[in-house]
Amino acid sequence: MYKVFFAYILLTCVFWFTKNPNIIPVLLLVSATILGKYFLDIDHIINWYVVKFSPGIEAMKNGNIKQIIEFVKKSEASQSSLILHHFYFHIVLLAISIFIFTSNSTIFGRGLLLAINFHLFEHIWVDAKTNPEKLQTWYFARMNKQLPIRFLPTWAKINLAFLVLFSILLTTGQ
């Protein structure tokens, strides 16, 4: 899915560059997208310290970025109580995104928020389609009342609509 997202970012950069041949907005968008793609992975690293995940902590101490990314990918499926991958965080993220995309023209901020929203959307979409019970476990962790499983695909589609809206606002609002 990230290939599609990065292709969209590349097309946006080309579109902007043809309208106004200025490299600064392009560099801001690309750097924000890369940072936003990995921003939510900080959540996994925080969780390693809470549950004392020794291999991940050891890789961080050694500064081995490749090994850290491997451990994030491996431990992603087993971690179900993350702070930044939670329904409440997502609602706050959507509210901030709506505010930023409709009132601000900061390219870096928009690109960062779009990438973070896409990262969370990707997890929601895949789990809503393949394993809704798993989605309910991690996305609504620590909540007494949860969205029923039959509504999870609809919630994923609502997230897709927000992502499309944010994408349109990003592309047209350089």
N, C-alpha and C. Protein backbone atom coordinates (compact mmCIF):
# COMPACT_ATOMS: atom_id res chain seq x y z
N MET A 1 0.81 -1.20 0.00
CA MET A 1 0.00 0.00 0.00
C MET A 1 0.86 1.27 0.00
N TYR A 2 2.02 1.18 0.64
CA TYR A 2 2.87 2.36 0.69
C TYR A 2 3.40 2.74 -0.67
N LYS A 3 3.52 1.79 -1.58
CA LYS A 3 3.97 2.13 -2.93
C LYS A 3 2.96 3.06 -3.60
N VAL A 4 1.69 2.80 -3.39
CA VAL A 4 0.64 3.66 -3.94
C VAL A 4 0.72 5.04 -3.31
N PHE A 5 0.91 5.09 -2.00
CA PHE A 5 0.99 6.36 -1.30
C PHE A 5 2.19 7.18 -1.78
N PHE A 6 3.34 6.54 -1.88
CA PHE A 6 4.53 7.26 -2.33
C PHE A 6 4.41 7.66 -3.80
N ALA A 7 3.72 6.87 -4.61
CA ALA A 7 3.47 7.26 -5.99
C ALA A 7 2.59 8.51 -6.03
N TYR A 8 1.58 8.57 -5.15
CA TYR A 8 0.74 9.76 -5.06
C TYR A 8 1.58 10.98 -4.67
N ILE A 9 2.46 10.82 -3.68
CA ILE A 9 3.31 11.92 -3.24
C ILE A 9 4.20 12.38 -4.39
N LEU A 10 4.76 11.43 -5.13
CA LEU A 10 5.61 11.76 -6.28
C LEU A 10 4.82 12.52 -7.33
N LEU A 11 3.61 12.07 -7.64
CA LEU A 11 2.77 12.77 -8.62
C LEU A 11 2.42 14.18 -8.13
N THR A 12 2.15 14.31 -6.84
CA THR A 12 1.87 15.63 -6.28
C THR A 12 3.08 16.55 -6.45
N CYS A 13 4.26 16.03 -6.18
CA CYS A 13 5.48 16.82 -6.35
C CYS A 13 5.67 17.25 -7.80
N VAL A 14 5.45 16.34 -8.73
CA VAL A 14 5.57 16.68 -10.15
C VAL A 14 4.54 17.74 -10.53
N PHE A 15 3.31 17.57 -10.06
CA PHE A 15 2.25 18.54 -10.34
C PHE A 15 2.63 19.92 -9.82
N TRP A 16 3.11 19.98 -8.58
CA TRP A 16 3.53 21.25 -8.00
C TRP A 16 4.68 21.86 -8.76
N PHE A 17 5.65 21.03 -9.11
CA PHE A 17 6.85 21.53 -9.78
C PHE A 17 6.53 22.08 -11.16
N THR A 18 5.55 21.49 -11.84
CA THR A 18 5.17 22.02 -13.16
C THR A 18 4.43 23.35 -13.02
N LYS A 19 3.69 23.53 -11.94
CA LYS A 19 3.01 24.81 -11.70
C LYS A 19 3.98 25.90 -11.26
N ASN A 20 4.92 25.52 -10.39
CA ASN A 20 5.87 26.47 -9.83
C ASN A 20 7.19 25.73 -9.60
N PRO A 21 8.17 25.93 -10.48
CA PRO A 21 9.42 25.16 -10.37
C PRO A 21 10.28 25.58 -9.17
N ASN A 22 9.79 25.25 -8.00
CA ASN A 22 10.50 25.54 -6.75
C ASN A 22 10.72 24.21 -6.03
N ILE A 23 11.95 23.90 -5.73
CA ILE A 23 12.29 22.60 -5.16
C ILE A 23 11.97 22.52 -3.65
N ILE A 24 11.87 23.64 -2.97
CA ILE A 24 11.67 23.66 -1.52
C ILE A 24 10.37 22.95 -1.11
N PRO A 25 9.21 23.26 -1.72
CA PRO A 25 7.99 22.55 -1.32
C PRO A 25 8.09 21.04 -1.57
N VAL A 26 8.75 20.67 -2.64
CA VAL A 26 8.91 19.25 -2.95
C VAL A 26 9.74 18.56 -1.87
N LEU A 27 10.85 19.18 -1.49
CA LEU A 27 11.70 18.60 -0.44
C LEU A 27 10.98 18.54 0.90
N LEU A 28 10.20 19.57 1.22
CA LEU A 28 9.42 19.56 2.46
C LEU A 28 8.41 18.42 2.48
N LEU A 29 7.71 18.23 1.37
CA LEU A 29 6.71 17.18 1.31
C LEU A 29 7.34 15.79 1.40
N VAL A 30 8.42 15.58 0.69
CA VAL A 30 9.09 14.27 0.71
C VAL A 30 9.63 13.97 2.11
N SER A 31 10.27 14.95 2.74
CA SER A 31 10.81 14.71 4.08
C SER A 31 9.70 14.50 5.11
N ALA A 32 8.62 15.24 5.00
CA ALA A 32 7.48 15.06 5.91
C ALA A 32 6.85 13.69 5.73
N THR A 33 6.76 13.23 4.50
CA THR A 33 6.18 11.92 4.21
C THR A 33 7.03 10.80 4.81
N ILE A 34 8.32 10.91 4.65
CA ILE A 34 9.21 9.88 5.20
C ILE A 34 9.13 9.88 6.73
N LEU A 35 9.17 11.05 7.34
CA LEU A 35 9.05 11.13 8.80
C LEU A 35 7.70 10.60 9.27
N GLY A 36 6.63 10.98 8.58
CA GLY A 36 5.29 10.54 8.96
C GLY A 36 5.08 9.04 8.82
N LYS A 37 5.75 8.43 7.85
CA LYS A 37 5.62 6.99 7.66
C LYS A 37 6.13 6.24 8.87
N TYR A 38 7.19 6.73 9.48
CA TYR A 38 7.81 6.03 10.61
C TYR A 38 7.41 6.59 11.97
N PHE A 39 6.66 7.68 12.01
CA PHE A 39 6.32 8.32 13.27
C PHE A 39 5.58 7.39 14.23
N LEU A 40 4.59 6.67 13.73
CA LEU A 40 3.80 5.79 14.61
C LEU A 40 4.60 4.59 15.10
N ASP A 41 5.71 4.29 14.44
CA ASP A 41 6.54 3.17 14.91
C ASP A 41 7.23 3.50 16.23
N ILE A 42 7.27 4.77 16.59
CA ILE A 42 7.79 5.16 17.90
C ILE A 42 7.00 4.45 18.99
N ASP A 43 5.72 4.24 18.72
CA ASP A 43 4.83 3.57 19.66
C ASP A 43 5.34 2.17 20.00
N HIS A 44 5.83 1.45 19.02
CA HIS A 44 6.36 0.09 19.25
C HIS A 44 7.61 0.16 20.13
N ILE A 45 8.44 1.15 19.87
CA ILE A 45 9.68 1.29 20.64
C ILE A 45 9.36 1.63 22.10
N ILE A 46 8.40 2.51 22.33
CA ILE A 46 7.97 2.82 23.70
C ILE A 46 7.46 1.56 24.38
N ASN A 47 6.69 0.76 23.65
CA ASN A 47 6.16 -0.48 24.21
C ASN A 47 7.27 -1.45 24.57
N TRP A 48 8.36 -1.46 23.82
CA TRP A 48 9.49 -2.34 24.14
C TRP A 48 10.02 -2.04 25.53
N TYR A 49 10.11 -0.76 25.87
CA TYR A 49 10.62 -0.40 27.18
C TYR A 49 9.64 -0.78 28.29
N VAL A 50 8.34 -0.70 28.00
CA VAL A 50 7.33 -1.05 28.99
C VAL A 50 7.33 -2.55 29.26
N VAL A 51 7.40 -3.37 28.20
CA VAL A 51 7.36 -4.83 28.37
C VAL A 51 8.75 -5.46 28.42
N LYS A 52 9.79 -4.62 28.42
CA LYS A 52 11.17 -5.09 28.51
C LYS A 52 11.54 -6.05 27.38
N PHE A 53 11.27 -5.63 26.15
CA PHE A 53 11.61 -6.42 24.96
C PHE A 53 13.10 -6.27 24.70
N SER A 54 13.89 -7.19 25.23
CA SER A 54 15.35 -7.08 25.23
C SER A 54 16.00 -6.95 23.85
N PRO A 55 15.62 -7.78 22.85
CA PRO A 55 16.30 -7.64 21.55
C PRO A 55 16.12 -6.26 20.92
N GLY A 56 14.92 -5.70 21.05
CA GLY A 56 14.68 -4.37 20.49
C GLY A 56 15.45 -3.30 21.21
N ILE A 57 15.50 -3.38 22.53
CA ILE A 57 16.24 -2.40 23.33
C ILE A 57 17.73 -2.50 23.03
N GLU A 58 18.22 -3.73 22.90
CA GLU A 58 19.65 -3.94 22.60
C GLU A 58 20.02 -3.35 21.23
N ALA A 59 19.12 -3.53 20.25
CA ALA A 59 19.36 -2.97 18.91
C ALA A 59 19.40 -1.45 18.97
N MET A 60 18.56 -0.86 19.81
CA MET A 60 18.56 0.59 19.94
C MET A 60 19.85 1.08 20.59
N LYS A 61 20.32 0.35 21.59
CA LYS A 61 21.58 0.74 22.25
C LYS A 61 22.75 0.67 21.28
N ASN A 62 22.71 -0.32 20.39
CA ASN A 62 23.78 -0.48 19.40
C ASN A 62 23.65 0.49 18.23
N GLY A 63 22.49 1.13 18.10
CA GLY A 63 22.26 2.07 17.01
C GLY A 63 22.05 1.41 15.66
N ASN A 64 21.65 0.14 15.66
CA ASN A 64 21.45 -0.61 14.43
C ASN A 64 20.03 -0.35 13.90
N ILE A 65 19.90 0.64 13.02
CA ILE A 65 18.61 1.06 12.50
C ILE A 65 17.91 -0.07 11.74
N LYS A 66 18.65 -0.80 10.93
CA LYS A 66 18.08 -1.89 10.14
C LYS A 66 17.46 -2.95 11.06
N GLN A 67 18.16 -3.27 12.13
CA GLN A 67 17.67 -4.28 13.08
C GLN A 67 16.45 -3.74 13.85
N ILE A 68 16.45 -2.46 14.16
CA ILE A 68 15.31 -1.86 14.86
C ILE A 68 14.06 -1.97 13.99
N ILE A 69 14.19 -1.64 12.69
CA ILE A 69 13.06 -1.72 11.77
C ILE A 69 12.56 -3.16 11.66
N GLU A 70 13.48 -4.12 11.61
CA GLU A 70 13.10 -5.54 11.60
C GLU A 70 12.30 -5.92 12.83
N PHE A 71 12.77 -5.48 14.00
CA PHE A 71 12.06 -5.81 15.24
C PHE A 71 10.69 -5.15 15.29
N VAL A 72 10.57 -3.93 14.76
CA VAL A 72 9.26 -3.27 14.72
C VAL A 72 8.31 -4.09 13.87
N LYS A 73 8.76 -4.52 12.70
CA LYS A 73 7.90 -5.32 11.81
C LYS A 73 7.51 -6.65 12.45
N LYS A 74 8.47 -7.31 13.12
CA LYS A 74 8.18 -8.60 13.74
C LYS A 74 7.23 -8.48 14.93
N SER A 75 7.40 -7.42 15.71
CA SER A 75 6.60 -7.30 16.93
C SER A 75 5.28 -6.58 16.71
N GLU A 76 5.06 -6.05 15.50
CA GLU A 76 3.86 -5.29 15.20
C GLU A 76 2.59 -6.08 15.48
N ALA A 77 2.54 -7.32 15.05
CA ALA A 77 1.33 -8.12 15.18
C ALA A 77 1.05 -8.52 16.62
N SER A 78 2.08 -8.62 17.44
CA SER A 78 1.87 -9.11 18.80
C SER A 78 1.55 -7.99 19.80
N GLN A 79 1.78 -6.75 19.42
CA GLN A 79 1.52 -5.65 20.35
C GLN A 79 0.09 -5.16 20.17
N SER A 80 -0.67 -5.20 21.25
CA SER A 80 -2.08 -4.84 21.12
C SER A 80 -2.49 -3.68 22.02
N SER A 81 -1.60 -3.11 22.77
CA SER A 81 -1.98 -2.04 23.69
C SER A 81 -1.10 -0.81 23.45
N LEU A 82 -1.07 -0.35 22.22
CA LEU A 82 -0.24 0.79 21.86
C LEU A 82 -1.03 2.09 22.01
N ILE A 83 -0.32 3.15 22.33
CA ILE A 83 -0.97 4.43 22.57
C ILE A 83 -1.32 5.14 21.26
N LEU A 84 -0.37 5.18 20.33
CA LEU A 84 -0.57 5.92 19.08
C LEU A 84 -1.36 5.13 18.03
N HIS A 85 -1.61 3.87 18.29
CA HIS A 85 -2.42 3.04 17.39
C HIS A 85 -3.79 2.79 18.02
N HIS A 86 -4.35 3.76 18.65
CA HIS A 86 -5.58 3.58 19.41
C HIS A 86 -6.68 4.48 18.87
N PHE A 87 -7.92 4.09 19.09
CA PHE A 87 -9.08 4.83 18.62
C PHE A 87 -9.07 6.27 19.12
N TYR A 88 -8.78 6.49 20.40
CA TYR A 88 -8.80 7.85 20.95
C TYR A 88 -7.74 8.73 20.29
N PHE A 89 -6.55 8.18 20.10
CA PHE A 89 -5.49 8.94 19.42
C PHE A 89 -5.93 9.26 18.00
N HIS A 90 -6.59 8.32 17.34
CA HIS A 90 -7.01 8.52 15.96
C HIS A 90 -8.05 9.64 15.85
N ILE A 91 -8.96 9.70 16.79
CA ILE A 91 -9.97 10.77 16.78
C ILE A 91 -9.27 12.13 16.94
N VAL A 92 -8.33 12.23 17.87
CA VAL A 92 -7.58 13.47 18.06
C VAL A 92 -6.77 13.80 16.80
N LEU A 93 -6.14 12.79 16.20
CA LEU A 93 -5.38 12.99 14.97
C LEU A 93 -6.27 13.50 13.84
N LEU A 94 -7.45 12.94 13.69
CA LEU A 94 -8.38 13.41 12.65
C LEU A 94 -8.80 14.85 12.91
N ALA A 95 -9.08 15.20 14.16
CA ALA A 95 -9.48 16.57 14.48
C ALA A 95 -8.35 17.56 14.17
N ILE A 96 -7.14 17.22 14.56
CA ILE A 96 -5.99 18.09 14.27
C ILE A 96 -5.77 18.18 12.76
N SER A 97 -5.92 17.06 12.06
CA SER A 97 -5.73 17.04 10.61
C SER A 97 -6.75 17.93 9.90
N ILE A 98 -8.01 17.84 10.32
CA ILE A 98 -9.05 18.69 9.71
C ILE A 98 -8.69 20.16 9.92
N PHE A 99 -8.27 20.49 11.12
CA PHE A 99 -7.88 21.87 11.43
C PHE A 99 -6.71 22.32 10.56
N ILE A 100 -5.66 21.53 10.50
CA ILE A 100 -4.46 21.91 9.75
C ILE A 100 -4.74 21.98 8.24
N PHE A 101 -5.44 20.99 7.71
CA PHE A 101 -5.68 20.97 6.27
C PHE A 101 -6.63 22.07 5.81
N THR A 102 -7.50 22.54 6.68
CA THR A 102 -8.45 23.58 6.26
C THR A 102 -8.02 24.98 6.65
N SER A 103 -7.01 25.12 7.52
CA SER A 103 -6.67 26.47 7.95
C SER A 103 -5.21 26.84 7.78
N ASN A 104 -4.39 25.94 7.32
CA ASN A 104 -2.96 26.19 7.29
C ASN A 104 -2.40 25.75 5.94
N SER A 105 -1.35 26.43 5.53
CA SER A 105 -0.75 26.05 4.25
C SER A 105 0.65 25.48 4.43
N THR A 106 1.00 25.07 5.64
CA THR A 106 2.32 24.52 5.88
C THR A 106 2.45 23.16 5.21
N ILE A 107 3.30 23.08 4.23
CA ILE A 107 3.45 21.84 3.46
C ILE A 107 3.99 20.73 4.32
N PHE A 108 4.98 21.03 5.15
CA PHE A 108 5.56 19.99 5.99
C PHE A 108 4.51 19.42 6.95
N GLY A 109 3.74 20.27 7.59
CA GLY A 109 2.70 19.81 8.51
C GLY A 109 1.64 18.98 7.82
N ARG A 110 1.21 19.42 6.66
CA ARG A 110 0.21 18.66 5.91
C ARG A 110 0.75 17.29 5.47
N GLY A 111 1.97 17.30 4.96
CA GLY A 111 2.58 16.03 4.52
C GLY A 111 2.77 15.07 5.67
N LEU A 112 3.21 15.59 6.81
CA LEU A 112 3.41 14.76 7.99
C LEU A 112 2.09 14.15 8.45
N LEU A 113 1.06 14.97 8.57
CA LEU A 113 -0.24 14.46 9.01
C LEU A 113 -0.85 13.48 8.01
N LEU A 114 -0.68 13.75 6.73
CA LEU A 114 -1.20 12.82 5.72
C LEU A 114 -0.51 11.47 5.84
N ALA A 115 0.79 11.46 6.02
CA ALA A 115 1.53 10.20 6.13
C ALA A 115 1.16 9.45 7.41
N ILE A 116 1.00 10.16 8.52
CA ILE A 116 0.59 9.50 9.77
C ILE A 116 -0.81 8.92 9.62
N ASN A 117 -1.72 9.70 9.04
CA ASN A 117 -3.08 9.20 8.81
C ASN A 117 -3.06 7.98 7.89
N PHE A 118 -2.22 8.02 6.87
CA PHE A 118 -2.14 6.88 5.96
C PHE A 118 -1.60 5.65 6.67
N HIS A 119 -0.58 5.82 7.50
CA HIS A 119 0.00 4.70 8.24
C HIS A 119 -1.08 4.02 9.09
N LEU A 120 -1.83 4.82 9.83
CA LEU A 120 -2.88 4.25 10.68
C LEU A 120 -4.00 3.65 9.84
N PHE A 121 -4.36 4.34 8.75
CA PHE A 121 -5.40 3.83 7.85
C PHE A 121 -5.02 2.47 7.29
N GLU A 122 -3.76 2.31 6.90
CA GLU A 122 -3.32 1.05 6.32
C GLU A 122 -3.54 -0.12 7.29
N HIS A 123 -3.17 0.10 8.56
CA HIS A 123 -3.38 -0.95 9.57
C HIS A 123 -4.87 -1.25 9.75
N ILE A 124 -5.68 -0.21 9.80
CA ILE A 124 -7.12 -0.38 9.99
C ILE A 124 -7.73 -1.10 8.80
N TRP A 125 -7.39 -0.67 7.60
CA TRP A 125 -7.97 -1.24 6.38
C TRP A 125 -7.65 -2.73 6.25
N VAL A 126 -6.39 -3.06 6.41
CA VAL A 126 -5.97 -4.46 6.25
C VAL A 126 -6.65 -5.34 7.29
N ASP A 127 -6.65 -4.91 8.55
CA ASP A 127 -7.26 -5.74 9.59
C ASP A 127 -8.78 -5.77 9.49
N ALA A 128 -9.40 -4.70 9.04
CA ALA A 128 -10.86 -4.70 8.87
C ALA A 128 -11.28 -5.70 7.79
N LYS A 129 -10.45 -5.83 6.77
CA LYS A 129 -10.76 -6.75 5.68
C LYS A 129 -10.38 -8.20 6.00
N THR A 130 -9.25 -8.40 6.69
CA THR A 130 -8.75 -9.76 6.88
C THR A 130 -9.04 -10.34 8.25
N ASN A 131 -8.98 -9.52 9.29
CA ASN A 131 -9.13 -10.04 10.65
C ASN A 131 -9.75 -8.97 11.56
N PRO A 132 -11.07 -8.77 11.48
CA PRO A 132 -11.71 -7.72 12.27
C PRO A 132 -11.55 -7.90 13.79
N GLU A 133 -11.47 -9.15 14.23
CA GLU A 133 -11.29 -9.40 15.67
C GLU A 133 -9.95 -8.83 16.15
N LYS A 134 -8.92 -9.00 15.32
CA LYS A 134 -7.60 -8.47 15.66
C LYS A 134 -7.64 -6.95 15.71
N LEU A 135 -8.33 -6.34 14.74
CA LEU A 135 -8.48 -4.89 14.72
C LEU A 135 -9.17 -4.41 15.99
N GLN A 136 -10.21 -5.09 16.37
CA GLN A 136 -10.94 -4.72 17.58
C GLN A 136 -10.05 -4.84 18.82
N THR A 137 -9.15 -5.81 18.81
CA THR A 137 -8.26 -6.02 19.96
C THR A 137 -7.26 -4.88 20.13
N TRP A 138 -6.59 -4.46 19.06
CA TRP A 138 -5.55 -3.44 19.23
C TRP A 138 -6.09 -2.02 19.10
N TYR A 139 -7.07 -1.79 18.24
CA TYR A 139 -7.55 -0.43 17.99
C TYR A 139 -8.41 0.09 19.14
N PHE A 140 -9.12 -0.80 19.78
CA PHE A 140 -9.99 -0.41 20.90
C PHE A 140 -9.47 -0.94 22.23
N ALA A 141 -8.17 -1.20 22.33
CA ALA A 141 -7.58 -1.72 23.57
C ALA A 141 -7.88 -0.77 24.72
N ARG A 142 -8.09 -1.32 25.88
CA ARG A 142 -8.35 -0.58 27.11
C ARG A 142 -9.67 0.18 27.09
N MET A 143 -10.60 -0.15 26.21
CA MET A 143 -11.90 0.53 26.18
C MET A 143 -12.98 -0.44 26.65
N ASN A 144 -13.88 0.07 27.46
CA ASN A 144 -14.98 -0.77 27.93
C ASN A 144 -15.97 -1.07 26.82
N LYS A 145 -16.31 -0.05 26.04
CA LYS A 145 -17.24 -0.23 24.93
C LYS A 145 -16.47 -0.11 23.63
N GLN A 146 -16.72 -1.04 22.72
CA GLN A 146 -16.02 -1.04 21.45
C GLN A 146 -17.01 -1.01 20.31
N LEU A 147 -16.54 -0.55 19.18
CA LEU A 147 -17.36 -0.57 17.98
C LEU A 147 -17.60 -2.02 17.59
N PRO A 148 -18.85 -2.43 17.36
CA PRO A 148 -19.10 -3.82 16.97
C PRO A 148 -18.36 -4.19 15.68
N ILE A 149 -18.01 -5.44 15.57
CA ILE A 149 -17.21 -5.92 14.43
C ILE A 149 -17.90 -5.62 13.11
N ARG A 150 -19.20 -5.70 13.06
CA ARG A 150 -19.90 -5.48 11.78
C ARG A 150 -19.75 -4.04 11.27
N PHE A 151 -19.38 -3.09 12.15
CA PHE A 151 -19.21 -1.69 11.74
C PHE A 151 -17.76 -1.34 11.41
N LEU A 152 -16.83 -2.24 11.64
CA LEU A 152 -15.43 -1.94 11.39
C LEU A 152 -15.12 -1.65 9.91
N PRO A 153 -15.67 -2.42 8.95
CA PRO A 153 -15.43 -2.05 7.54
C PRO A 153 -15.97 -0.66 7.19
N THR A 154 -17.09 -0.27 7.78
CA THR A 154 -17.63 1.06 7.55
C THR A 154 -16.70 2.12 8.12
N TRP A 155 -16.15 1.87 9.30
CA TRP A 155 -15.19 2.80 9.90
C TRP A 155 -13.95 2.93 9.02
N ALA A 156 -13.52 1.82 8.44
CA ALA A 156 -12.36 1.86 7.53
C ALA A 156 -12.69 2.71 6.30
N LYS A 157 -13.90 2.61 5.78
CA LYS A 157 -14.29 3.42 4.62
C LYS A 157 -14.38 4.90 4.97
N ILE A 158 -14.85 5.21 6.17
CA ILE A 158 -14.88 6.60 6.63
C ILE A 158 -13.45 7.16 6.69
N ASN A 159 -12.52 6.35 7.19
CA ASN A 159 -11.12 6.76 7.23
C ASN A 159 -10.57 6.98 5.83
N LEU A 160 -10.96 6.12 4.89
CA LEU A 160 -10.55 6.29 3.50
C LEU A 160 -11.07 7.62 2.95
N ALA A 161 -12.31 7.96 3.27
CA ALA A 161 -12.88 9.23 2.81
C ALA A 161 -12.08 10.42 3.35
N PHE A 162 -11.71 10.37 4.63
CA PHE A 162 -10.88 11.44 5.21
C PHE A 162 -9.53 11.50 4.50
N LEU A 163 -8.95 10.35 4.22
CA LEU A 163 -7.65 10.31 3.56
C LEU A 163 -7.73 10.91 2.16
N VAL A 164 -8.78 10.61 1.42
CA VAL A 164 -8.97 11.18 0.08
C VAL A 164 -9.15 12.70 0.19
N LEU A 165 -9.96 13.14 1.15
CA LEU A 165 -10.16 14.59 1.35
C LEU A 165 -8.84 15.29 1.67
N PHE A 166 -8.07 14.73 2.59
CA PHE A 166 -6.78 15.32 2.94
C PHE A 166 -5.83 15.33 1.74
N SER A 167 -5.88 14.28 0.93
CA SER A 167 -5.04 14.20 -0.26
C SER A 167 -5.40 15.29 -1.25
N ILE A 168 -6.68 15.49 -1.46
CA ILE A 168 -7.14 16.55 -2.38
C ILE A 168 -6.70 17.92 -1.87
N LEU A 169 -6.90 18.14 -0.57
CA LEU A 169 -6.51 19.43 0.01
C LEU A 169 -5.00 19.64 -0.08
N LEU A 170 -4.23 18.59 0.07
CA LEU A 170 -2.77 18.71 -0.05
C LEU A 170 -2.38 19.04 -1.48
N THR A 171 -2.94 18.32 -2.45
CA THR A 171 -2.57 18.50 -3.84
C THR A 171 -2.94 19.90 -4.36
N THR A 172 -4.11 20.37 -3.98
CA THR A 172 -4.56 21.65 -4.52
C THR A 172 -4.11 22.85 -3.72
N GLY A 173 -3.54 22.63 -2.54
CA GLY A 173 -3.24 23.78 -1.70
C GLY A 173 -1.78 24.05 -1.46
N GLN A 174 -0.97 24.09 -2.51
CA GLN A 174 0.46 24.36 -2.31
C GLN A 174 0.69 25.76 -1.81
